Amino acid sequence: MMPWHTLITLAAVSVALFYLSDWIGRHIQGIGLLLTGRAEGGMALAWLLFLPGIVLHEASHWAVARLLGLRPSPPHVWPERRGNSVRMGYVDFRSGGPLRDSLVGLAPLITGCLLLLWFAVQVFGLEAQSGWQGVIQRLRQGLDHPDIWLYIYLIFTISNGMMPSASDREAWGSLLLYMLMIGGGLYALGLVPSISPQRIASVLNGAQVFAYALVLATAIDVPIALAIGTVELAIGLIKQQRVSY
């Protein structure tokens, strides 16, 4: 696969997975609301389904904040409502500026992506040279794994739990601006180091495998999202109610 195809695929699947995760989270809460008639019922249902991903998300925040000396509070992994928003957990920490705050915010995404890569490579045997036909064949073979349903659940909850919240992304704008300024300055001064073709090839191979890992997560999310939508529609028809999002 050509480099730009790899990068386009990676970007497209990342965006798709982000919006899928948001849709799934909201509609799982919608099912809980329809079943119980209470917003807390929706929160509890989402919390139960996503618990491993929530724990991983908050533990990642805590570990990186502690590593960076930001004095984090113990991780809280219990849902709570704040105004019109719901959060499934949180870690409080002392601000350390845009760089350190951004690293703390990125921690769950990085941890989740590494675990998705592990599942893709170790469980399904995906590699950069697989090609899309090879990926489909490896995914089919992976369905014969004795623990495949456990892996599917873990991929589902990790891929949905790793997504950065609005508070996680707060410092990203400042960090991106600083990085662009520094990068532009180094380029203008001719101080950008050259990168060997071998290093570029290694990076592209890694990006290709990562794209396959995100495709795996998306392939799991899509049928689950369809099932969630069907269940929500059925409950709504039975109870003659509909959730507005």
Foldseek 3Di string as FASTA:
>chain_A
DDLVVLVVLLVVLVVVLLVLLVLVLVLQLLLLCLVPVDSVRSLVRSLVLLVVLLVLLQVQLVVLLVVVPFPKDPKAQPWDDDVPDIDRIHIDTHDDALPSLLSSLQRLVVVLLVVLLCCLCVQQNDFLPCPPVNLVVSVVVSVPDPCSVVVLSVLQSSSSSSDGDPSSCPSVVVVVVVVVVVVVVCVVVVNDDDDDPVRVVVVSRVSSSSSSSSVVSVVSSVVVSVVSVVSSVVSCVVVVHDDDD
